[in-house]
Protein backbone atom coordinates (compact mmCIF):
# COMPACT_ATOMS: atom_id res chain seq x y z
CA UNK A 1 101.13 162.34 123.79
CA UNK A 2 97.42 162.44 123.19
CA UNK A 3 95.34 163.20 120.13
CA UNK A 4 94.26 166.82 119.78
CA UNK A 5 90.55 166.25 119.39
CA UNK A 6 89.93 164.26 122.56
CA UNK A 7 91.69 163.42 125.76
CA UNK A 8 93.12 159.91 126.03
CA UNK A 9 91.81 159.22 129.50
CA UNK A 10 92.77 156.22 131.58
CA UNK A 11 90.21 153.47 131.55
CA UNK A 12 87.98 153.23 134.61
CA UNK A 13 88.34 150.33 137.01
CA UNK A 14 86.07 147.39 136.36
CA UNK A 15 84.69 145.04 138.92
CA UNK A 16 84.65 142.13 136.46
CA UNK A 17 87.24 139.40 136.64
CA UNK A 18 90.33 140.02 134.60
CA UNK A 19 89.68 136.97 132.49
CA UNK A 20 86.52 135.11 131.58
CA UNK A 21 85.85 132.10 129.38
CA UNK A 22 82.51 131.89 127.60
CA UNK A 23 81.58 128.55 126.05
CA UNK A 24 78.90 128.65 123.39
CA UNK A 25 79.50 125.29 121.81
CA UNK A 26 81.27 124.88 119.44
CA UNK A 27 82.65 128.39 120.08
CA UNK A 28 84.93 129.19 123.01
CA UNK A 29 85.43 132.90 123.75
CA UNK A 30 88.30 133.99 125.98
CA UNK A 31 88.08 137.57 127.26
CA UNK A 32 90.90 139.40 128.97
CA UNK A 33 91.99 142.88 130.04
CA UNK A 34 95.68 142.01 129.79
CA UNK A 35 96.11 143.97 126.55
CA UNK A 36 94.60 147.16 127.96
CA UNK A 37 98.06 148.57 128.77
CA UNK A 38 99.25 147.80 125.24
CA UNK A 39 96.30 149.73 123.77
CA UNK A 40 96.92 152.55 126.24
CA UNK A 41 100.61 152.89 125.42
CA UNK A 42 100.24 152.65 121.65
CA UNK A 43 97.13 154.81 121.64
CA UNK A 44 98.93 157.52 123.62
CA UNK A 45 101.56 157.97 120.92
CA UNK A 46 101.23 161.04 118.72
CA UNK A 47 102.02 158.73 115.78
CA UNK A 48 98.73 156.94 116.45
CA UNK A 49 96.88 160.21 115.88
CA UNK A 50 98.49 160.76 112.49
CA UNK A 51 98.10 157.11 111.53
CA UNK A 52 94.40 157.26 112.40
CA UNK A 53 93.97 160.00 109.78
CA UNK A 54 95.82 157.96 107.17
CA UNK A 55 93.66 154.91 107.87
CA UNK A 56 90.50 157.02 107.66
CA UNK A 57 91.54 158.38 104.24
CA UNK A 58 92.29 154.86 102.97
CA UNK A 59 88.85 153.40 103.64
CA UNK A 60 86.85 155.18 100.87
CA UNK A 61 89.38 153.99 98.29
CA UNK A 62 89.19 150.43 99.59
CA UNK A 63 85.38 150.56 99.56
CA UNK A 64 85.35 151.92 96.01
CA UNK A 65 87.82 149.29 94.82
CA UNK A 66 85.77 146.48 96.34
CA UNK A 67 82.49 147.72 94.85
CA UNK A 68 84.18 148.08 91.45
CA UNK A 69 85.50 144.51 91.62
CA UNK A 70 82.09 143.14 92.63
CA UNK A 71 80.21 144.96 89.85
CA UNK A 72 82.91 144.08 87.31
CA UNK A 73 82.73 140.41 88.36
CA UNK A 74 78.95 140.43 87.95
CA UNK A 75 79.19 141.85 84.44
CA UNK A 76 81.84 139.28 83.55
CA UNK A 77 79.73 136.41 84.89
CA UNK A 78 76.60 137.58 83.08
CA UNK A 79 78.32 138.29 79.77
CA UNK A 80 80.56 135.23 79.81
CA UNK A 81 79.37 132.30 81.98
CA UNK A 82 82.68 130.54 81.36
CA UNK A 83 84.27 133.06 83.76
CA UNK A 84 82.78 131.11 86.66
CA UNK A 85 84.39 127.86 85.53
CA UNK A 86 87.25 128.12 88.03
CA UNK A 87 84.82 128.62 90.91
CA UNK A 88 82.71 125.68 89.75
CA UNK A 89 85.80 123.48 89.48
CA UNK A 90 86.86 124.38 93.01
CA UNK A 91 83.37 123.67 94.33
CA UNK A 92 81.02 125.49 96.74
CA UNK A 93 83.55 125.10 99.56
CA UNK A 94 85.75 127.66 97.78
CA UNK A 95 83.31 130.34 98.99
CA UNK A 96 84.29 129.72 102.62
CA UNK A 97 87.45 131.42 103.88
CA UNK A 98 88.38 128.35 105.92
CA UNK A 99 91.76 126.61 105.43
CA UNK A 100 91.34 122.89 104.97
CA UNK A 101 87.83 123.37 103.55
CA UNK A 102 88.58 125.94 100.88
CA UNK A 103 90.88 124.07 98.42
CA UNK A 104 92.86 127.26 97.71
CA UNK A 105 93.76 127.98 101.33
CA UNK A 106 96.62 125.86 102.73
CA UNK A 107 95.96 124.79 106.30
CA UNK A 108 99.10 126.12 108.04
CA UNK A 109 99.69 129.31 106.02
CA UNK A 110 95.95 129.94 105.81
CA UNK A 111 95.28 129.76 109.55
CA UNK A 112 98.36 131.83 110.38
CA UNK A 113 97.26 134.54 107.92
CA UNK A 114 93.65 134.56 109.10
CA UNK A 115 94.51 134.78 112.80
CA UNK A 116 97.14 137.49 112.18
CA UNK A 117 94.75 139.49 109.97
CA UNK A 118 91.96 139.40 112.55
CA UNK A 119 94.34 140.31 115.38
CA UNK A 120 95.66 143.26 113.31
CA UNK A 121 92.10 144.32 112.49
CA UNK A 122 90.85 144.24 116.06
CA UNK A 123 94.10 145.52 117.55
CA UNK A 124 93.93 148.58 115.30
CA UNK A 125 90.41 149.26 116.55
CA UNK A 126 91.66 149.07 120.15
CA UNK A 127 94.67 151.35 119.64
CA UNK A 128 92.76 154.06 117.78
CA UNK A 129 89.87 153.79 120.25
CA UNK A 130 92.24 154.60 123.10
CA UNK A 131 93.83 157.38 121.04
CA UNK A 132 90.34 158.84 120.61
CA UNK A 133 89.63 158.56 124.35
CA UNK A 134 87.19 155.62 124.20
CA UNK A 135 87.30 152.88 126.82
CA UNK A 136 88.25 149.37 125.73
CA UNK A 137 86.37 147.01 128.03
CA UNK A 138 88.19 143.83 127.03
CA UNK A 139 89.78 141.94 124.18
CA UNK A 140 90.12 138.29 123.40
CA UNK A 141 90.25 135.31 121.09
CA UNK A 142 87.48 133.20 119.60
CA UNK A 143 88.06 129.46 119.16
CA UNK A 144 86.08 126.96 117.11
CA UNK A 145 86.62 123.98 119.40
CA UNK A 146 90.42 124.25 119.75
CA UNK A 147 91.06 126.16 116.51
CA UNK A 148 91.56 129.94 116.82
CA UNK A 149 89.31 131.62 114.25
CA UNK A 150 89.23 135.24 115.36
CA UNK A 151 89.88 138.01 117.82
CA UNK A 152 87.90 140.95 119.13
CA UNK A 153 88.24 144.24 120.96
CA UNK A 154 85.23 145.38 122.97
CA UNK A 155 85.10 149.18 122.64
CA UNK A 156 82.56 151.05 124.76
CA UNK A 157 79.67 151.38 122.29
CA UNK A 158 77.83 153.98 124.35
CA UNK A 159 80.83 156.29 124.20
CA UNK A 160 81.07 155.79 120.45
CA UNK A 161 77.38 156.63 119.97
CA UNK A 162 77.63 159.79 122.10
CA UNK A 163 80.88 161.04 120.57
CA UNK A 164 81.41 163.37 117.63
CA UNK A 165 81.59 161.84 114.16
CA UNK A 166 85.31 162.32 113.55
CA UNK A 167 86.73 160.15 116.39
CA UNK A 168 84.05 157.50 115.81
CA UNK A 169 84.92 157.33 112.12
CA UNK A 170 88.60 156.91 112.94
CA UNK A 171 87.86 153.97 115.23
CA UNK A 172 85.63 152.30 112.62
CA UNK A 173 88.22 152.84 109.86
CA UNK A 174 91.15 151.56 111.91
CA UNK A 175 90.55 147.85 111.31
CA UNK A 176 90.26 148.13 107.53
CA UNK A 177 93.18 150.54 107.31
CA UNK A 178 95.35 148.37 109.56
CA UNK A 179 94.79 145.34 107.34
CA UNK A 180 95.60 147.38 104.22
CA UNK A 181 98.87 148.67 105.68
CA UNK A 182 100.00 145.22 106.88
CA UNK A 183 98.98 143.66 103.56
CA UNK A 184 100.88 146.31 101.58
CA UNK A 185 104.03 145.83 103.68
CA UNK A 186 103.88 142.03 103.21
CA UNK A 187 103.39 142.47 99.45
CA UNK A 188 106.41 144.77 99.18
CA UNK A 189 108.54 142.32 101.18
CA UNK A 190 107.37 139.52 98.89
CA UNK A 191 108.39 141.57 95.84
CA UNK A 192 111.85 142.12 97.33
CA UNK A 193 112.19 138.43 98.22
CA UNK A 194 111.20 137.16 94.77
CA UNK A 195 113.60 139.69 93.24
CA UNK A 196 116.46 137.66 94.76
CA UNK A 197 115.29 134.30 93.39
CA UNK A 198 117.13 132.56 90.53
CA UNK A 199 116.49 129.31 88.60
CA UNK A 200 118.51 126.17 89.35
CA UNK A 201 116.99 124.12 86.52
CA UNK A 202 115.20 124.67 83.24
CA UNK A 203 114.04 122.67 80.27
CA UNK A 204 111.68 119.73 79.77
CA UNK A 205 110.46 118.13 82.98
CA UNK A 206 109.32 114.50 83.06
CA UNK A 207 105.93 114.38 84.81
CA UNK A 208 105.48 110.63 84.57
CA UNK A 209 107.00 107.52 83.05
CA UNK A 210 104.58 105.00 81.57
CA UNK A 211 104.92 101.45 82.89
CA UNK A 212 106.46 98.97 80.46
CA UNK A 213 107.51 101.62 77.95
CA UNK A 214 111.11 102.18 76.71
CA UNK A 215 111.76 105.17 78.98
CA UNK A 216 111.07 103.12 82.11
CA UNK A 217 113.22 100.24 80.87
CA UNK A 218 116.05 102.70 80.22
CA UNK A 219 115.91 104.03 83.79
CA UNK A 220 114.28 107.41 83.25
CA UNK A 221 112.19 108.57 86.23
CA UNK A 222 109.56 111.19 87.05
CA UNK A 223 111.12 114.54 88.05
CA UNK A 224 114.06 114.05 85.68
CA UNK A 225 114.86 117.03 83.45
CA UNK A 226 116.11 116.57 79.90
CA UNK A 227 119.51 118.02 79.04
CA UNK A 228 120.02 116.57 75.58
CA UNK A 229 119.13 113.80 73.11
CA UNK A 230 121.98 112.53 70.91
CA UNK A 231 123.95 115.51 72.21
CA UNK A 232 121.33 117.94 70.86
CA UNK A 233 120.15 120.30 73.67
CA UNK A 234 116.49 119.89 74.63
CA UNK A 235 114.93 123.18 75.76
CA UNK A 236 111.22 122.66 75.15
CA UNK A 237 108.60 120.00 74.49
CA UNK A 238 108.37 121.24 70.91
CA UNK A 239 112.13 120.76 70.56
CA UNK A 240 111.81 117.23 71.99
CA UNK A 241 108.96 116.32 69.61
CA UNK A 242 110.94 117.59 66.63
CA UNK A 243 113.89 115.36 67.52
CA UNK A 244 111.71 112.30 68.06
CA UNK A 245 109.70 113.08 64.93
CA UNK A 246 112.82 112.39 62.84
CA UNK A 247 113.13 108.94 64.39
CA UNK A 248 111.30 105.67 63.80
CA UNK A 249 110.40 102.69 65.94
CA UNK A 250 113.49 100.69 66.89
CA UNK A 251 115.86 103.64 66.69
CA UNK A 252 118.00 104.23 69.76
CA UNK A 253 118.80 107.65 71.19
CA UNK A 254 121.32 108.74 73.79
CA UNK A 255 119.43 110.63 76.50
CA UNK A 256 121.02 112.82 79.17
CA UNK A 257 118.97 114.08 82.12
CA UNK A 258 119.62 115.72 85.50
CA UNK A 259 118.02 114.57 88.75
CA UNK A 260 118.45 114.52 92.54
CA UNK A 261 118.81 117.43 94.98
CA UNK A 262 118.79 120.65 92.97
CA UNK A 263 119.24 118.46 89.88
CA UNK A 264 122.99 118.25 90.35
CA UNK A 265 123.22 114.55 89.42
CA UNK A 266 123.62 113.76 85.71
CA UNK A 267 122.34 110.51 84.23
CA UNK A 268 122.87 109.18 80.70
CA UNK A 269 121.08 106.22 79.14
CA UNK A 270 120.10 104.75 75.78
CA UNK A 271 116.40 104.57 74.92
CA UNK A 272 114.98 102.35 72.19
CA UNK A 273 112.01 104.20 70.72
CA UNK A 274 108.59 102.79 69.90
CA UNK A 275 105.49 103.99 68.02
CA UNK A 276 102.01 104.87 69.33
CA UNK A 277 99.22 106.55 67.32
CA UNK A 278 101.64 107.05 64.42
CA UNK A 279 104.05 108.95 66.70
CA UNK A 280 107.54 107.96 67.72
CA UNK A 281 107.65 107.97 71.53
CA UNK A 282 109.69 106.82 74.49
CA UNK A 283 106.75 106.58 76.95
CA UNK A 284 106.75 109.74 79.06
CA UNK A 285 104.59 112.79 79.77
CA UNK A 286 106.43 116.10 79.93
CA UNK A 287 106.06 119.69 81.01
CA UNK A 288 107.92 122.83 79.87
CA UNK A 289 109.43 124.35 83.00
CA UNK A 290 110.30 127.75 81.50
CA UNK A 291 111.58 128.72 84.93
CA UNK A 292 113.38 131.77 83.57
CA UNK A 293 110.29 133.08 81.77
CA UNK A 294 107.97 132.46 84.72
CA UNK A 295 110.39 134.14 87.11
CA UNK A 296 110.79 137.13 84.78
CA UNK A 297 107.03 137.67 84.92
CA UNK A 298 107.30 138.09 88.69
CA UNK A 299 110.50 140.12 88.69
CA UNK A 300 109.34 142.65 86.07
CA UNK A 301 107.64 145.52 87.87
CA UNK A 302 104.66 147.01 86.08
CA UNK A 303 100.96 147.52 86.78
CA UNK A 304 100.07 144.54 84.58
CA UNK A 305 102.66 142.21 86.10
CA UNK A 306 101.97 143.22 89.72
CA UNK A 307 98.47 141.75 89.40
CA UNK A 308 100.12 138.33 89.15
CA UNK A 309 100.77 138.55 92.87
CA UNK A 310 97.00 138.33 93.40
CA UNK A 311 96.99 134.75 92.11
CA UNK A 312 97.26 132.13 94.91
CA UNK A 313 100.10 129.64 94.37
CA UNK A 314 97.63 126.83 95.14
CA UNK A 315 95.40 127.87 92.23
CA UNK A 316 97.99 127.80 89.44
CA UNK A 317 101.05 125.98 90.84
CA UNK A 318 102.62 125.76 87.39
CA UNK A 319 102.88 129.55 87.13
CA UNK A 320 103.87 130.84 90.59
CA UNK A 321 107.62 130.50 91.42
CA UNK A 322 106.98 129.93 95.14
CA UNK A 323 104.31 127.25 94.64
CA UNK A 324 105.00 123.75 95.97
CA UNK A 325 105.52 122.54 92.41
CA UNK A 326 107.85 125.24 91.02
CA UNK A 327 109.77 126.28 94.16
CA UNK A 328 112.27 123.37 93.99
CA UNK A 329 113.44 124.70 90.62
CA UNK A 330 114.61 127.99 92.17
CA UNK A 331 117.13 129.05 94.76
CA UNK A 332 117.64 132.06 97.03
CA UNK A 333 120.24 133.37 99.45
CA UNK A 334 117.96 132.37 102.34
CA UNK A 335 118.34 128.71 101.36
CA UNK A 336 115.31 126.43 101.41
CA UNK A 337 113.61 128.74 103.94
CA UNK A 338 112.84 131.23 101.16
CA UNK A 339 109.79 129.20 100.14
CA UNK A 340 108.33 129.31 103.66
CA UNK A 341 108.95 133.06 103.91
CA UNK A 342 107.48 133.71 100.46
CA UNK A 343 104.30 131.73 101.12
CA UNK A 344 103.86 133.30 104.56
CA UNK A 345 104.19 136.80 103.09
CA UNK A 346 101.82 135.97 100.22
CA UNK A 347 99.04 134.63 102.41
CA UNK A 348 99.46 137.46 104.93
CA UNK A 349 99.06 140.05 102.17
CA UNK A 350 96.26 138.13 100.43
CA UNK A 351 94.13 137.51 103.53
CA UNK A 352 94.71 140.99 105.00
CA UNK A 353 93.59 142.66 101.76
CA UNK A 354 90.56 140.41 101.38
CA UNK A 355 89.52 140.97 105.00
CA UNK A 356 89.99 144.73 104.60
CA UNK A 357 88.00 144.94 101.38
CA UNK A 358 85.14 142.84 102.73
CA UNK A 359 84.89 144.86 105.95
CA UNK A 360 85.02 148.12 103.98
CA UNK A 361 81.74 147.29 102.22
CA UNK A 362 78.83 149.51 103.34
CA UNK A 363 77.01 146.57 104.89
CA UNK A 364 75.87 147.03 108.47
CA UNK A 365 77.28 145.92 110.94
CA UNK A 366 80.58 145.69 109.05
CA UNK A 367 82.97 148.60 109.51
CA UNK A 368 81.95 150.10 106.17
CA UNK A 369 78.27 149.96 107.12
CA UNK A 370 78.90 151.61 110.46
CA UNK A 371 80.97 154.31 108.76
CA UNK A 372 78.07 154.97 106.38
CA UNK A 373 75.66 155.23 109.31
CA UNK A 374 77.92 157.70 111.17
CA UNK A 375 78.39 159.85 108.04
CA UNK A 376 74.64 159.99 107.38
CA UNK A 377 73.98 161.05 110.97
CA UNK A 378 76.72 163.67 110.77
CA UNK A 379 75.68 165.30 107.49
CA UNK A 380 71.96 164.52 107.29
CA UNK A 381 71.05 164.23 110.95
CA UNK A 382 69.43 167.69 111.01
CA UNK A 383 67.26 166.97 107.96
CA UNK A 384 66.46 163.27 108.34
CA UNK A 385 65.09 161.37 111.30
CA UNK A 386 67.13 158.61 112.92
CA UNK A 387 64.57 156.12 111.62
CA UNK A 388 65.05 157.34 108.03
CA UNK A 389 68.82 157.17 108.35
CA UNK A 390 68.49 153.63 109.68
CA UNK A 391 66.36 152.70 106.66
CA UNK A 392 68.89 154.18 104.23
CA UNK A 393 71.73 152.29 105.91
CA UNK A 394 69.70 149.10 105.86
CA UNK A 395 68.77 149.59 102.19
CA UNK A 396 72.38 150.15 101.12
CA UNK A 397 73.42 147.14 103.19
CA UNK A 398 70.83 144.90 101.50
CA UNK A 399 71.85 146.04 98.00
CA UNK A 400 75.56 145.49 98.66
CA UNK A 401 74.92 142.14 100.35
CA UNK A 402 72.81 141.06 97.35
CA UNK A 403 75.68 141.99 94.99
CA UNK A 404 78.16 139.96 97.03
CA UNK A 405 75.84 136.94 97.25
CA UNK A 406 75.19 137.15 93.51
CA UNK A 407 78.90 136.89 92.68
CA UNK A 408 79.11 133.81 94.92
CA UNK A 409 76.12 131.88 93.59
CA UNK A 410 76.02 132.87 89.90
CA UNK A 411 78.95 130.60 88.93
CA UNK A 412 76.90 127.60 90.13
CA UNK A 413 73.69 128.76 88.41
CA UNK A 414 74.85 129.88 84.95
């Protein structure tokens, strides 16, 4: 069934080949009309009409949220230069949304999320364009050498320019809205998944064992987890230091640890202590797992706690339960696959939201900039000339672009 405001006409025949490959080294662009029927069928659904309204309503909120975050970040950077320390530590490459170059973006999960997000973005444009009666000339994929980096849907621009504001706005808003919806669904699924996670180990984790020290001679190894010392349970590094603080060099202690797959193997040994810098030690570096506390932070649903799901597991691996470091200390009904599912869902939600918020900015020719241009023509077209409207759009675009660039370069200047 078609949308009420415009007829969803069949696309006219085209004399061009069904598929064409454009090579603009190092970019390879593959165009095709194979997805035209998919856009036609999905665009013809009455649900697409209602969804197009929902997506259109979402965009102003996304734009407002992104502008707020940018301005807030600028104030934070200017008032407290230390805020940019994380960005400086990651390096200039952290600005680029490219897995393998950006240290935060894992290669496999990152590329999957980016390709899916772009396909969702462009596919939404195509579906809503057909629902609004616009022709979709072609669609395709963009490769950097052999790496897929994007997708596109070529909507008839002349039809968009000649049409009324409402259908044009829906088409422009579709990409941003589509990314928001997909991101929100992935986030909710991630919340449900993490809700079923439980710890398999807790306590004091041995990061490293120093060569030639008593712990190594006694057979302790990195990745061991303390259970007890002299039959006294060890639950934290502070607890461990208190026990050792009551000992002197030459004293022996009975140490029990767990190790192996899911830390099911128990190992007991006797360690003869030594002294370094006036401290009684066994020659190890440790880390408090606190797996129960860290998991509780992610399983407690509140506005404050939900923001923790914004933090990439690659940025703070010691805090995120599904990071490469902490994941082995947890279990789930899905088995070991839960980690793959969790990371896939996280990066899908993270990249979709970031792509949506960036494209929602009123910077021409991003979707937000084109929406601004259409709105100005609709509501001020009778009072302002097209040239004036173009200047306003350009001015807003320059201001917003300057704000974005400032947040990117200030950490390396201050």
